Amino acid sequence: MGFKTYSGNKAGQKPFKRKHLLKLYIYCYMNRIRSSRRIEMEATRNIEVMWLIGRVTPDHGTISAFMKVIEKP
């Protein structure tokens, strides 16, 4: 699907696992939640989603970037 994995010596947060982001995307798609900010809120509020994605909390920028890769024509 065009996923990129970056490696190197740059310090920073570890990347989120793509399987967690995909699960979050599919769950929100099925429940008609389209906004990356609403998806971010759902990941911190909904217990079902927390269990599904292993309690990771991606921010709306990460979700938006992932959605752009998924929805690419």
C-alpha atoms as a PDB file:
ATOM      1  CA  MET A   1       0.000   0.000   0.000  1.00  0.00           C
ATOM      2  CA  GLY A   2       3.010   2.303  -0.090  1.00  0.00           C
ATOM      3  CA  PHE A   3       4.035   2.265   3.582  1.00  0.00           C
ATOM      4  CA  LYS A   4       7.483   3.611   4.411  1.00  0.00           C
ATOM      5  CA  THR A   5       9.591   2.492   7.347  1.00  0.00           C
ATOM      6  CA  TYR A   6      12.265   4.939   8.417  1.00  0.00           C
ATOM      7  CA  SER A   7      15.439   3.923  10.142  1.00  0.00           C
ATOM      8  CA  GLY A   8      18.432   5.822  11.360  1.00  0.00           C
ATOM      9  CA  ASN A   9      19.998   7.440  14.375  1.00  0.00           C
ATOM     10  CA  LYS A  10      17.482  10.253  14.718  1.00  0.00           C
ATOM     11  CA  ALA A  11      16.127  10.640  18.224  1.00  0.00           C
ATOM     12  CA  GLY A  12      12.400  10.874  18.753  1.00  0.00           C
ATOM     13  CA  GLN A  13       9.269   8.882  19.341  1.00  0.00           C
ATOM     14  CA  LYS A  14       9.103   5.365  17.945  1.00  0.00           C
ATOM     15  CA  PRO A  15       6.767   5.086  14.970  1.00  0.00           C
ATOM     16  CA  PHE A  16       3.325   3.641  15.563  1.00  0.00           C
ATOM     17  CA  LYS A  17       2.723   0.137  14.283  1.00  0.00           C
ATOM     18  CA  ARG A  18       0.814   0.279  11.027  1.00  0.00           C
ATOM     19  CA  LYS A  19      -1.510  -2.496  12.159  1.00  0.00           C
ATOM     20  CA  HIS A  20      -2.741  -0.334  15.051  1.00  0.00           C
ATOM     21  CA  LEU A  21      -3.352   2.652  12.801  1.00  0.00           C
ATOM     22  CA  LEU A  22      -5.148   0.463  10.265  1.00  0.00           C
ATOM     23  CA  LYS A  23      -7.390  -1.036  12.968  1.00  0.00           C
ATOM     24  CA  LEU A  24      -8.207   2.466  14.214  1.00  0.00           C
ATOM     25  CA  TYR A  25      -8.943   3.661  10.684  1.00  0.00           C
ATOM     26  CA  ILE A  26     -11.217   0.704   9.883  1.00  0.00           C
ATOM     27  CA  TYR A  27     -13.095   0.991  13.192  1.00  0.00           C
ATOM     28  CA  CYS A  28     -13.734   4.701  12.691  1.00  0.00           C
ATOM     29  CA  TYR A  29     -14.635   4.223   9.027  1.00  0.00           C
ATOM     30  CA  MET A  30     -17.263   1.647   9.998  1.00  0.00           C
ATOM     31  CA  ASN A  31     -18.658   4.023  12.635  1.00  0.00           C
ATOM     32  CA  ARG A  32     -18.724   7.023  10.266  1.00  0.00           C
ATOM     33  CA  ILE A  33     -16.008   8.997  12.036  1.00  0.00           C
ATOM     34  CA  ARG A  34     -14.019  10.781   9.335  1.00  0.00           C
ATOM     35  CA  SER A  35     -12.171  13.666  11.004  1.00  0.00           C
ATOM     36  CA  SER A  36      -8.627  12.978  12.202  1.00  0.00           C
ATOM     37  CA  ARG A  37      -9.283  15.104  15.293  1.00  0.00           C
ATOM     38  CA  ARG A  38     -12.413  13.106  16.128  1.00  0.00           C
ATOM     39  CA  ILE A  39     -10.495   9.860  15.549  1.00  0.00           C
ATOM     40  CA  GLU A  40      -7.803  11.090  17.967  1.00  0.00           C
ATOM     41  CA  MET A  41     -10.470  11.833  20.566  1.00  0.00           C
ATOM     42  CA  GLU A  42     -12.060   8.421  20.007  1.00  0.00           C
ATOM     43  CA  ALA A  43      -8.710   6.685  20.639  1.00  0.00           C
ATOM     44  CA  THR A  44      -8.495   8.274  24.096  1.00  0.00           C
ATOM     45  CA  ARG A  45     -12.199   8.116  25.043  1.00  0.00           C
ATOM     46  CA  ASN A  46     -13.642   4.824  23.775  1.00  0.00           C
ATOM     47  CA  ILE A  47     -12.669   1.713  25.756  1.00  0.00           C
ATOM     48  CA  GLU A  48     -13.344  -0.582  22.776  1.00  0.00           C
ATOM     49  CA  VAL A  49     -10.885   1.354  20.642  1.00  0.00           C
ATOM     50  CA  MET A  50      -8.287   1.433  23.415  1.00  0.00           C
ATOM     51  CA  TRP A  51      -8.441  -2.352  23.632  1.00  0.00           C
ATOM     52  CA  LEU A  52      -8.405  -2.758  19.856  1.00  0.00           C
ATOM     53  CA  ILE A  53      -5.286  -0.664  19.262  1.00  0.00           C
ATOM     54  CA  GLY A  54      -3.377  -1.547  22.418  1.00  0.00           C
ATOM     55  CA  ARG A  55      -3.833   1.817  24.170  1.00  0.00           C
ATOM     56  CA  VAL A  56      -1.656   3.752  21.727  1.00  0.00           C
ATOM     57  CA  THR A  57      -2.668   7.380  21.328  1.00  0.00           C
ATOM     58  CA  PRO A  58      -1.637   8.794  17.956  1.00  0.00           C
ATOM     59  CA  ASP A  59      -2.166  12.505  17.435  1.00  0.00           C
ATOM     60  CA  HIS A  60      -4.317  13.927  14.660  1.00  0.00           C
ATOM     61  CA  GLY A  61      -1.293  14.694  12.463  1.00  0.00           C
ATOM     62  CA  THR A  62      -0.184  11.068  12.483  1.00  0.00           C
ATOM     63  CA  ILE A  63      -3.709   9.894  11.760  1.00  0.00           C
ATOM     64  CA  SER A  64      -4.098  12.426   8.953  1.00  0.00           C
ATOM     65  CA  ALA A  65      -0.814  11.379   7.323  1.00  0.00           C
ATOM     66  CA  PHE A  66      -1.834   7.718   7.551  1.00  0.00           C
ATOM     67  CA  MET A  67      -5.240   8.457   6.047  1.00  0.00           C
ATOM     68  CA  LYS A  68      -3.582  10.227   3.097  1.00  0.00           C
ATOM     69  CA  VAL A  69      -1.547   7.092   2.344  1.00  0.00           C
ATOM     70  CA  ILE A  70      -4.613   4.835   2.641  1.00  0.00           C
ATOM     71  CA  GLU A  71      -6.943   7.021   0.563  1.00  0.00           C
ATOM     72  CA  LYS A  72      -4.446   7.637  -2.225  1.00  0.00           C
ATOM     73  CA  PRO A  73      -6.052   6.868  -5.623  1.00  0.00           C
END
